[in-house]
Amino acid sequence: QVQLVESAGGLVQPGGSLRLSCAASGSISFINAMGWYRQAPGKQREWVAGFLRGGQTSYVDSVKGRFTISKDNAKNTVYLQMNSLKPEDTAVYYCYFFTAFAGQFWGQGTQVTVSS
């Protein structure tokens, strides 16, 4: 059974940085997409950043220029480097892997709090 294991989030001051990682515990093939969503208190889950099957990256407008998604295919791991963090980035962050045949996999969620 494949599981996605996310790194711990944390409390960061405004303007600070944090790097999240998400590693698949088993082998996953035919990955169509991978990336990150987030959910802030009282709000709907929001897509943040992702890789498409061709390797292209995409970001929600609110994080462009501040967040960078990367991956290590050999380790089945996706990363989210978050710089210049703002209080409005406070949320639970979830990683995802969407596959062609095995369905969707989600991380357990990790809390990121941006506050002074």
C-alpha atoms as a PDB file:
ATOM      1  CA  GLN A   1       0.000   0.000   0.000  1.00  0.00           C
ATOM      2  CA  VAL A   2       1.510   3.280  -1.073  1.00  0.00           C
ATOM      3  CA  GLN A   3       1.493   6.126   1.403  1.00  0.00           C
ATOM      4  CA  LEU A   4       2.617   9.710   1.028  1.00  0.00           C
ATOM      5  CA  VAL A   5       4.550  10.952   4.037  1.00  0.00           C
ATOM      6  CA  GLU A   6       4.921  14.694   4.472  1.00  0.00           C
ATOM      7  CA  SER A   7       7.587  16.452   6.446  1.00  0.00           C
ATOM      8  CA  ALA A   8       6.662  18.517   9.446  1.00  0.00           C
ATOM      9  CA  GLY A   9       5.517  22.070   8.876  1.00  0.00           C
ATOM     10  CA  GLY A  10       5.999  24.648  11.529  1.00  0.00           C
ATOM     11  CA  LEU A  11       5.703  28.168  12.796  1.00  0.00           C
ATOM     12  CA  VAL A  12       7.490  30.753  10.689  1.00  0.00           C
ATOM     13  CA  GLN A  13       7.697  34.504  10.972  1.00  0.00           C
ATOM     14  CA  PRO A  14       6.409  36.626   8.110  1.00  0.00           C
ATOM     15  CA  GLY A  15       9.084  36.879   5.457  1.00  0.00           C
ATOM     16  CA  GLY A  16      10.585  33.563   6.477  1.00  0.00           C
ATOM     17  CA  SER A  17      11.072  30.354   4.549  1.00  0.00           C
ATOM     18  CA  LEU A  18      10.092  26.747   4.911  1.00  0.00           C
ATOM     19  CA  ARG A  19      10.592  23.648   2.805  1.00  0.00           C
ATOM     20  CA  LEU A  20       8.060  20.846   2.717  1.00  0.00           C
ATOM     21  CA  SER A  21       8.708  17.398   1.371  1.00  0.00           C
ATOM     22  CA  CYS A  22       6.404  14.548   0.452  1.00  0.00           C
ATOM     23  CA  ALA A  23       7.766  11.069  -0.131  1.00  0.00           C
ATOM     24  CA  ALA A  24       5.957   8.007  -1.425  1.00  0.00           C
ATOM     25  CA  SER A  25       6.580   4.993   0.748  1.00  0.00           C
ATOM     26  CA  GLY A  26       6.259   2.557  -2.137  1.00  0.00           C
ATOM     27  CA  SER A  27       6.589   2.401  -5.876  1.00  0.00           C
ATOM     28  CA  ILE A  28       4.235   4.536  -7.909  1.00  0.00           C
ATOM     29  CA  SER A  29       4.065   4.349 -11.669  1.00  0.00           C
ATOM     30  CA  PHE A  30       2.319   6.306 -14.392  1.00  0.00           C
ATOM     31  CA  ILE A  31       2.111   9.496 -12.369  1.00  0.00           C
ATOM     32  CA  ASN A  32       0.018  12.041 -14.212  1.00  0.00           C
ATOM     33  CA  ALA A  33       0.444  14.858 -11.761  1.00  0.00           C
ATOM     34  CA  MET A  34       1.904  15.676  -8.368  1.00  0.00           C
ATOM     35  CA  GLY A  35       1.860  18.740  -6.249  1.00  0.00           C
ATOM     36  CA  TRP A  36       0.358  20.562  -3.306  1.00  0.00           C
ATOM     37  CA  TYR A  37      -2.952  21.836  -2.048  1.00  0.00           C
ATOM     38  CA  ARG A  38      -3.633  23.801   1.105  1.00  0.00           C
ATOM     39  CA  GLN A  39      -6.598  24.492   3.320  1.00  0.00           C
ATOM     40  CA  ALA A  40      -6.838  27.496   5.573  1.00  0.00           C
ATOM     41  CA  PRO A  41      -9.243  27.607   8.531  1.00  0.00           C
ATOM     42  CA  GLY A  42     -12.794  28.183   7.360  1.00  0.00           C
ATOM     43  CA  LYS A  43     -11.831  28.031   3.695  1.00  0.00           C
ATOM     44  CA  GLN A  44     -12.036  25.482   0.917  1.00  0.00           C
ATOM     45  CA  ARG A  45      -9.023  23.471  -0.102  1.00  0.00           C
ATOM     46  CA  GLU A  46      -6.965  25.421  -2.627  1.00  0.00           C
ATOM     47  CA  TRP A  47      -4.555  24.077  -5.197  1.00  0.00           C
ATOM     48  CA  VAL A  48      -1.126  25.678  -4.734  1.00  0.00           C
ATOM     49  CA  ALA A  49       1.439  24.217  -7.121  1.00  0.00           C
ATOM     50  CA  GLY A  50       2.024  21.155  -9.219  1.00  0.00           C
ATOM     51  CA  PHE A  51       3.799  19.213 -11.927  1.00  0.00           C
ATOM     52  CA  LEU A  52       1.894  18.032 -14.940  1.00  0.00           C
ATOM     53  CA  ARG A  53       2.759  14.798 -16.710  1.00  0.00           C
ATOM     54  CA  GLY A  54       5.031  16.561 -19.196  1.00  0.00           C
ATOM     55  CA  GLY A  55       7.049  18.024 -16.353  1.00  0.00           C
ATOM     56  CA  GLN A  56       5.665  21.530 -16.581  1.00  0.00           C
ATOM     57  CA  THR A  57       5.149  23.369 -13.326  1.00  0.00           C
ATOM     58  CA  SER A  58       2.261  25.597 -12.444  1.00  0.00           C
ATOM     59  CA  TYR A  59       1.394  27.807  -9.495  1.00  0.00           C
ATOM     60  CA  VAL A  60      -1.592  29.639  -8.132  1.00  0.00           C
ATOM     61  CA  ASP A  61      -1.139  33.360  -8.686  1.00  0.00           C
ATOM     62  CA  SER A  62      -0.860  34.168  -4.996  1.00  0.00           C
ATOM     63  CA  VAL A  63       2.382  32.175  -4.602  1.00  0.00           C
ATOM     64  CA  LYS A  64       4.107  32.869  -7.915  1.00  0.00           C
ATOM     65  CA  GLY A  65       7.601  34.151  -7.398  1.00  0.00           C
ATOM     66  CA  ARG A  66       7.636  32.998  -3.770  1.00  0.00           C
ATOM     67  CA  PHE A  67       7.075  29.233  -3.894  1.00  0.00           C
ATOM     68  CA  THR A  68       9.024  26.710  -5.921  1.00  0.00           C
ATOM     69  CA  ILE A  69       8.018  23.114  -6.515  1.00  0.00           C
ATOM     70  CA  SER A  70      10.632  20.500  -7.305  1.00  0.00           C
ATOM     71  CA  LYS A  71      10.873  16.731  -7.381  1.00  0.00           C
ATOM     72  CA  ASP A  72      13.233  13.819  -7.181  1.00  0.00           C
ATOM     73  CA  ASN A  73      11.878  11.083  -9.422  1.00  0.00           C
ATOM     74  CA  ALA A  74      14.316   8.492  -8.129  1.00  0.00           C
ATOM     75  CA  LYS A  75      12.997   9.029  -4.617  1.00  0.00           C
ATOM     76  CA  ASN A  76       9.356   9.581  -5.608  1.00  0.00           C
ATOM     77  CA  THR A  77       9.506  12.790  -3.631  1.00  0.00           C
ATOM     78  CA  VAL A  78       8.064  16.210  -4.281  1.00  0.00           C
ATOM     79  CA  TYR A  79       9.167  19.375  -2.495  1.00  0.00           C
ATOM     80  CA  LEU A  80       7.688  22.806  -1.919  1.00  0.00           C
ATOM     81  CA  GLN A  81      10.126  25.590  -1.128  1.00  0.00           C
ATOM     82  CA  MET A  82       8.200  28.493   0.370  1.00  0.00           C
ATOM     83  CA  ASN A  83       9.912  31.872   0.639  1.00  0.00           C
ATOM     84  CA  SER A  84       8.699  35.299   1.678  1.00  0.00           C
ATOM     85  CA  LEU A  85       5.919  33.671   3.636  1.00  0.00           C
ATOM     86  CA  LYS A  86       2.872  35.729   4.532  1.00  0.00           C
ATOM     87  CA  PRO A  87       0.247  35.260   7.238  1.00  0.00           C
ATOM     88  CA  GLU A  88      -2.242  34.361   4.508  1.00  0.00           C
ATOM     89  CA  ASP A  89      -0.107  31.334   3.656  1.00  0.00           C
ATOM     90  CA  THR A  90      -1.140  29.826   6.976  1.00  0.00           C
ATOM     91  CA  ALA A  91      -2.876  26.541   6.209  1.00  0.00           C
ATOM     92  CA  VAL A  92      -2.642  22.790   6.315  1.00  0.00           C
ATOM     93  CA  TYR A  93      -0.655  21.710   3.269  1.00  0.00           C
ATOM     94  CA  TYR A  94      -1.430  18.434   1.496  1.00  0.00           C
ATOM     95  CA  CYS A  95       0.641  16.779  -1.179  1.00  0.00           C
ATOM     96  CA  TYR A  96      -0.885  14.624  -3.890  1.00  0.00           C
ATOM     97  CA  PHE A  97       0.130  12.105  -6.554  1.00  0.00           C
ATOM     98  CA  PHE A  98      -2.440  11.399  -9.257  1.00  0.00           C
ATOM     99  CA  THR A  99      -1.782   8.247 -11.243  1.00  0.00           C
ATOM    100  CA  ALA A 100      -3.161   6.809 -14.449  1.00  0.00           C
ATOM    101  CA  PHE A 101      -4.152   3.425 -13.052  1.00  0.00           C
ATOM    102  CA  ALA A 102      -3.782   3.361  -9.269  1.00  0.00           C
ATOM    103  CA  GLY A 103      -5.871   6.401  -8.484  1.00  0.00           C
ATOM    104  CA  GLN A 104      -5.076   9.328  -6.227  1.00  0.00           C
ATOM    105  CA  PHE A 105      -2.751   9.439  -3.244  1.00  0.00           C
ATOM    106  CA  TRP A 106      -2.743  12.150  -0.594  1.00  0.00           C
ATOM    107  CA  GLY A 107      -0.413  13.108   2.183  1.00  0.00           C
ATOM    108  CA  GLN A 108      -1.580  13.350   5.766  1.00  0.00           C
ATOM    109  CA  GLY A 109      -1.372  17.135   5.823  1.00  0.00           C
ATOM    110  CA  THR A 110       1.087  19.346   7.621  1.00  0.00           C
ATOM    111  CA  GLN A 111       0.390  22.620   9.410  1.00  0.00           C
ATOM    112  CA  VAL A 112       2.195  25.751   8.307  1.00  0.00           C
ATOM    113  CA  THR A 113       1.626  28.817  10.468  1.00  0.00           C
ATOM    114  CA  VAL A 114       3.016  32.200   9.516  1.00  0.00           C
ATOM    115  CA  SER A 115       2.877  34.590  12.425  1.00  0.00           C
ATOM    116  CA  SER A 116       5.027  36.957  14.391  1.00  0.00           C
END
